[in-house]
N, C-alpha and C. Protein backbone atom coordinates (compact mmCIF):
# COMPACT_ATOMS: atom_id res chain seq x y z
N MET A 1 0.85 -1.17 0.00
CA MET A 1 0.00 0.00 0.00
C MET A 1 0.90 1.23 0.00
N LYS A 2 0.69 2.05 -0.97
CA LYS A 2 1.50 3.26 -1.09
C LYS A 2 1.15 4.27 0.01
N GLU A 3 2.11 5.13 0.29
CA GLU A 3 1.97 6.07 1.41
C GLU A 3 0.74 6.96 1.28
N ASN A 4 0.42 7.39 0.07
CA ASN A 4 -0.74 8.28 -0.09
C ASN A 4 -2.04 7.57 0.29
N LEU A 5 -2.13 6.28 0.06
CA LEU A 5 -3.32 5.53 0.46
C LEU A 5 -3.39 5.39 1.98
N ARG A 6 -2.22 5.18 2.60
CA ARG A 6 -2.21 5.12 4.07
C ARG A 6 -2.64 6.45 4.66
N HIS A 7 -2.18 7.57 4.07
CA HIS A 7 -2.62 8.89 4.55
C HIS A 7 -4.14 9.03 4.43
N GLY A 8 -4.69 8.50 3.34
CA GLY A 8 -6.14 8.56 3.16
C GLY A 8 -6.89 7.78 4.23
N LEU A 9 -6.38 6.61 4.59
CA LEU A 9 -7.01 5.83 5.66
C LEU A 9 -7.01 6.62 6.96
N VAL A 10 -5.88 7.26 7.26
CA VAL A 10 -5.77 8.05 8.49
C VAL A 10 -6.74 9.22 8.44
N GLN A 11 -6.83 9.86 7.30
CA GLN A 11 -7.73 11.02 7.15
C GLN A 11 -9.17 10.64 7.48
N TYR A 12 -9.57 9.43 7.11
CA TYR A 12 -10.94 8.98 7.37
C TYR A 12 -11.04 8.13 8.65
N MET A 13 -10.00 8.21 9.49
CA MET A 13 -9.97 7.55 10.79
C MET A 13 -10.21 6.05 10.69
N MET A 14 -9.66 5.45 9.66
CA MET A 14 -9.79 4.00 9.48
C MET A 14 -8.56 3.31 10.06
N LYS A 15 -8.74 2.10 10.50
CA LYS A 15 -7.66 1.26 11.00
C LYS A 15 -7.44 0.13 10.02
N MET A 16 -6.24 -0.41 10.05
CA MET A 16 -5.90 -1.47 9.11
C MET A 16 -5.06 -2.52 9.82
N TRP A 17 -5.33 -3.77 9.51
CA TRP A 17 -4.53 -4.88 10.03
C TRP A 17 -4.00 -5.68 8.86
N ASP A 18 -2.75 -6.06 8.96
CA ASP A 18 -2.17 -7.02 8.02
C ASP A 18 -2.07 -8.36 8.73
N TRP A 19 -1.56 -9.34 8.04
CA TRP A 19 -1.40 -10.66 8.61
C TRP A 19 0.09 -10.94 8.78
N ASN A 20 0.41 -11.89 9.65
CA ASN A 20 1.79 -12.33 9.75
C ASN A 20 1.91 -13.84 9.56
N VAL A 21 0.79 -14.49 9.26
CA VAL A 21 0.80 -15.90 8.87
C VAL A 21 -0.09 -16.04 7.64
N ASP A 22 0.50 -16.50 6.55
CA ASP A 22 -0.23 -16.70 5.30
C ASP A 22 -0.37 -18.20 5.06
N THR A 23 -1.59 -18.68 4.98
CA THR A 23 -1.85 -20.10 4.76
C THR A 23 -1.65 -20.50 3.30
N VAL A 24 -1.54 -19.54 2.43
CA VAL A 24 -1.43 -19.75 0.97
C VAL A 24 -2.60 -20.59 0.47
N ASP A 25 -3.74 -20.42 1.12
CA ASP A 25 -4.92 -21.19 0.73
C ASP A 25 -5.43 -20.81 -0.65
N TRP A 26 -5.13 -19.60 -1.09
CA TRP A 26 -5.52 -19.18 -2.44
C TRP A 26 -4.91 -20.11 -3.49
N LYS A 27 -3.77 -20.70 -3.17
CA LYS A 27 -3.06 -21.55 -4.12
C LYS A 27 -3.42 -23.03 -3.96
N HIS A 28 -3.64 -23.46 -2.73
CA HIS A 28 -3.79 -24.90 -2.46
C HIS A 28 -5.22 -25.35 -2.18
N HIS A 29 -6.17 -24.43 -2.19
CA HIS A 29 -7.53 -24.79 -1.75
C HIS A 29 -8.17 -25.87 -2.61
N GLU A 30 -7.83 -25.96 -3.89
CA GLU A 30 -8.46 -26.96 -4.75
C GLU A 30 -7.64 -28.25 -4.84
N THR A 31 -6.33 -28.12 -4.90
CA THR A 31 -5.50 -29.29 -5.18
C THR A 31 -4.89 -29.95 -3.95
N ALA A 32 -4.63 -29.18 -2.90
CA ALA A 32 -3.96 -29.73 -1.73
C ALA A 32 -4.38 -29.00 -0.45
N PRO A 33 -5.65 -29.12 -0.06
CA PRO A 33 -6.10 -28.37 1.11
C PRO A 33 -5.33 -28.72 2.39
N GLU A 34 -4.74 -29.90 2.48
CA GLU A 34 -3.94 -30.25 3.66
C GLU A 34 -2.75 -29.30 3.82
N ARG A 35 -2.26 -28.76 2.72
CA ARG A 35 -1.13 -27.82 2.78
C ARG A 35 -1.52 -26.55 3.52
N ILE A 36 -2.81 -26.22 3.54
CA ILE A 36 -3.28 -25.05 4.27
C ILE A 36 -2.96 -25.21 5.76
N ILE A 37 -3.23 -26.40 6.29
CA ILE A 37 -2.92 -26.67 7.70
C ILE A 37 -1.42 -26.60 7.92
N GLU A 38 -0.65 -27.25 7.06
CA GLU A 38 0.81 -27.24 7.19
C GLU A 38 1.36 -25.82 7.16
N ASN A 39 0.90 -25.02 6.22
CA ASN A 39 1.39 -23.64 6.09
C ASN A 39 1.03 -22.81 7.32
N ALA A 40 -0.17 -23.01 7.84
CA ALA A 40 -0.59 -22.26 9.02
C ALA A 40 0.29 -22.60 10.22
N ILE A 41 0.54 -23.89 10.43
CA ILE A 41 1.36 -24.31 11.57
C ILE A 41 2.79 -23.81 11.42
N LYS A 42 3.36 -23.92 10.23
CA LYS A 42 4.71 -23.40 10.00
C LYS A 42 4.76 -21.90 10.26
N GLY A 43 3.75 -21.18 9.81
CA GLY A 43 3.71 -19.74 10.00
C GLY A 43 3.57 -19.36 11.46
N ILE A 44 2.73 -20.07 12.19
CA ILE A 44 2.56 -19.80 13.62
C ILE A 44 3.87 -20.06 14.36
N ASP A 45 4.53 -21.15 14.02
CA ASP A 45 5.80 -21.48 14.67
C ASP A 45 6.88 -20.44 14.38
N ALA A 46 6.76 -19.73 13.25
CA ALA A 46 7.77 -18.74 12.87
C ALA A 46 7.55 -17.38 13.54
N VAL A 47 6.39 -17.15 14.13
CA VAL A 47 6.13 -15.88 14.83
C VAL A 47 6.73 -16.00 16.22
N PRO A 48 7.78 -15.22 16.50
CA PRO A 48 8.49 -15.40 17.77
C PRO A 48 7.65 -15.10 19.00
N GLU A 49 6.86 -14.08 18.96
CA GLU A 49 5.99 -13.73 20.08
C GLU A 49 4.98 -12.71 19.60
N GLY A 50 4.04 -12.41 20.45
CA GLY A 50 3.06 -11.39 20.10
C GLY A 50 1.88 -11.97 19.35
N PRO A 51 1.07 -11.11 18.81
CA PRO A 51 -0.17 -11.57 18.18
C PRO A 51 0.10 -12.31 16.88
N ILE A 52 -0.75 -13.26 16.62
CA ILE A 52 -0.71 -14.01 15.37
C ILE A 52 -1.99 -13.69 14.62
N VAL A 53 -1.86 -13.21 13.40
CA VAL A 53 -3.01 -12.93 12.57
C VAL A 53 -2.88 -13.81 11.33
N ILE A 54 -3.84 -14.71 11.14
CA ILE A 54 -3.79 -15.68 10.06
C ILE A 54 -4.67 -15.20 8.90
N LEU A 55 -4.09 -15.25 7.71
CA LEU A 55 -4.82 -14.85 6.51
C LEU A 55 -5.54 -16.06 5.93
N PHE A 56 -6.86 -15.96 5.81
CA PHE A 56 -7.68 -16.97 5.15
C PHE A 56 -8.45 -16.32 4.02
N HIS A 57 -8.69 -17.08 2.98
CA HIS A 57 -9.55 -16.63 1.89
C HIS A 57 -10.84 -17.45 1.93
N VAL A 58 -11.88 -16.92 1.39
CA VAL A 58 -13.16 -17.62 1.37
C VAL A 58 -13.14 -18.60 0.19
N LYS A 59 -12.68 -19.80 0.48
CA LYS A 59 -12.55 -20.84 -0.54
C LYS A 59 -13.11 -22.15 0.03
N LYS A 60 -13.64 -22.98 -0.84
CA LYS A 60 -14.23 -24.25 -0.42
C LYS A 60 -13.19 -25.15 0.25
N GLY A 61 -12.01 -25.23 -0.32
CA GLY A 61 -10.95 -26.07 0.25
C GLY A 61 -10.51 -25.59 1.61
N THR A 62 -10.50 -24.27 1.80
CA THR A 62 -10.15 -23.72 3.11
C THR A 62 -11.20 -24.14 4.13
N ALA A 63 -12.46 -24.02 3.77
CA ALA A 63 -13.54 -24.41 4.67
C ALA A 63 -13.48 -25.90 5.00
N SER A 64 -13.02 -26.71 4.05
CA SER A 64 -12.99 -28.15 4.27
C SER A 64 -11.98 -28.57 5.34
N VAL A 65 -10.95 -27.77 5.58
CA VAL A 65 -9.94 -28.12 6.60
C VAL A 65 -9.98 -27.20 7.82
N LEU A 66 -10.85 -26.22 7.81
CA LEU A 66 -10.85 -25.21 8.86
C LEU A 66 -11.09 -25.79 10.25
N SER A 67 -12.03 -26.70 10.40
CA SER A 67 -12.30 -27.24 11.74
C SER A 67 -11.09 -28.01 12.27
N ARG A 68 -10.40 -28.76 11.41
CA ARG A 68 -9.20 -29.48 11.85
C ARG A 68 -8.08 -28.51 12.19
N LEU A 69 -7.96 -27.44 11.42
CA LEU A 69 -6.94 -26.44 11.71
C LEU A 69 -7.21 -25.75 13.04
N ILE A 70 -8.46 -25.39 13.28
CA ILE A 70 -8.82 -24.75 14.55
C ILE A 70 -8.52 -25.69 15.72
N ASP A 71 -8.88 -26.96 15.59
CA ASP A 71 -8.58 -27.93 16.64
C ASP A 71 -7.08 -28.01 16.90
N ARG A 72 -6.30 -28.06 15.84
CA ARG A 72 -4.84 -28.16 15.97
C ARG A 72 -4.27 -26.92 16.63
N ILE A 73 -4.71 -25.76 16.21
CA ILE A 73 -4.20 -24.51 16.78
C ILE A 73 -4.59 -24.40 18.25
N ASN A 74 -5.82 -24.75 18.58
CA ASN A 74 -6.25 -24.72 19.98
C ASN A 74 -5.42 -25.68 20.83
N LYS A 75 -5.11 -26.86 20.29
CA LYS A 75 -4.30 -27.84 21.01
C LYS A 75 -2.91 -27.29 21.32
N ASP A 76 -2.40 -26.43 20.44
CA ASP A 76 -1.09 -25.82 20.64
C ASP A 76 -1.14 -24.61 21.58
N GLY A 77 -2.35 -24.27 22.06
CA GLY A 77 -2.48 -23.20 23.03
C GLY A 77 -2.73 -21.82 22.44
N VAL A 78 -2.90 -21.73 21.15
CA VAL A 78 -3.21 -20.44 20.51
C VAL A 78 -4.70 -20.20 20.67
N GLN A 79 -5.06 -18.99 21.03
CA GLN A 79 -6.47 -18.65 21.23
C GLN A 79 -6.99 -17.81 20.07
N PHE A 80 -8.23 -18.04 19.72
CA PHE A 80 -8.90 -17.23 18.71
C PHE A 80 -9.68 -16.13 19.40
N ARG A 81 -9.61 -14.95 18.84
CA ARG A 81 -10.39 -13.83 19.36
C ARG A 81 -10.90 -13.01 18.19
N ALA A 82 -12.06 -12.43 18.39
CA ALA A 82 -12.59 -11.49 17.40
C ALA A 82 -11.86 -10.16 17.55
N TYR A 83 -11.73 -9.45 16.47
CA TYR A 83 -11.10 -8.15 16.51
C TYR A 83 -11.95 -7.18 17.33
N ASP A 84 -11.31 -6.48 18.25
CA ASP A 84 -11.98 -5.50 19.08
C ASP A 84 -11.35 -4.14 18.81
N PRO A 85 -12.06 -3.22 18.14
CA PRO A 85 -11.46 -1.92 17.82
C PRO A 85 -11.05 -1.13 19.05
N GLU A 86 -11.65 -1.42 20.20
CA GLU A 86 -11.27 -0.73 21.43
C GLU A 86 -9.89 -1.16 21.93
N GLN A 87 -9.42 -2.30 21.45
CA GLN A 87 -8.11 -2.81 21.86
C GLN A 87 -7.17 -2.91 20.67
N HIS A 88 -7.34 -2.02 19.72
CA HIS A 88 -6.55 -2.05 18.48
C HIS A 88 -5.07 -1.86 18.77
N PHE A 89 -4.25 -2.58 18.08
CA PHE A 89 -2.80 -2.38 18.13
C PHE A 89 -2.28 -2.42 16.70
N THR A 90 -1.13 -1.82 16.51
CA THR A 90 -0.56 -1.72 15.16
C THR A 90 -0.14 -3.09 14.66
N MET A 91 -0.60 -3.43 13.47
CA MET A 91 -0.23 -4.68 12.82
C MET A 91 -0.24 -4.43 11.33
N ASN A 92 0.84 -3.78 10.86
CA ASN A 92 0.94 -3.56 9.42
C ASN A 92 2.40 -3.60 9.01
N PHE A 93 2.61 -3.82 7.74
CA PHE A 93 3.95 -4.04 7.22
C PHE A 93 4.82 -2.79 7.25
N TRP A 94 4.25 -1.64 7.49
CA TRP A 94 5.00 -0.39 7.49
C TRP A 94 5.25 0.13 8.90
N ASP A 95 4.75 -0.60 9.91
CA ASP A 95 4.82 -0.13 11.31
C ASP A 95 4.31 1.29 11.45
N ASP A 96 3.24 1.57 10.72
CA ASP A 96 2.61 2.89 10.73
C ASP A 96 1.62 2.92 11.90
N ASN A 97 2.01 3.55 13.00
CA ASN A 97 1.19 3.56 14.21
C ASN A 97 -0.10 4.32 14.06
N ARG A 98 -0.27 5.04 12.97
CA ARG A 98 -1.53 5.78 12.76
C ARG A 98 -2.66 4.86 12.35
N LEU A 99 -2.32 3.69 11.86
CA LEU A 99 -3.34 2.77 11.32
C LEU A 99 -3.80 1.77 12.36
């Protein structure tokens, strides 16, 4: 996202979150949905500390493995939470604290 677009988000008091774990489900959802689980676990393991935000796409293959992925992640002690704008923290690739 170019700087002028980030300025626009700030101007309209919008917040933005990026992800730090990419399941690559856009690529594997049809041919290898099991890779979605593998990619998520590898990505979670690579985040040293702090919040984990997982990127999912609305795909049939993603939905087919989602319950198993949630079970696996919960077993590893990671908790799922809904985004709460009252507790927003910076999570973007530019470390732009305005977003």
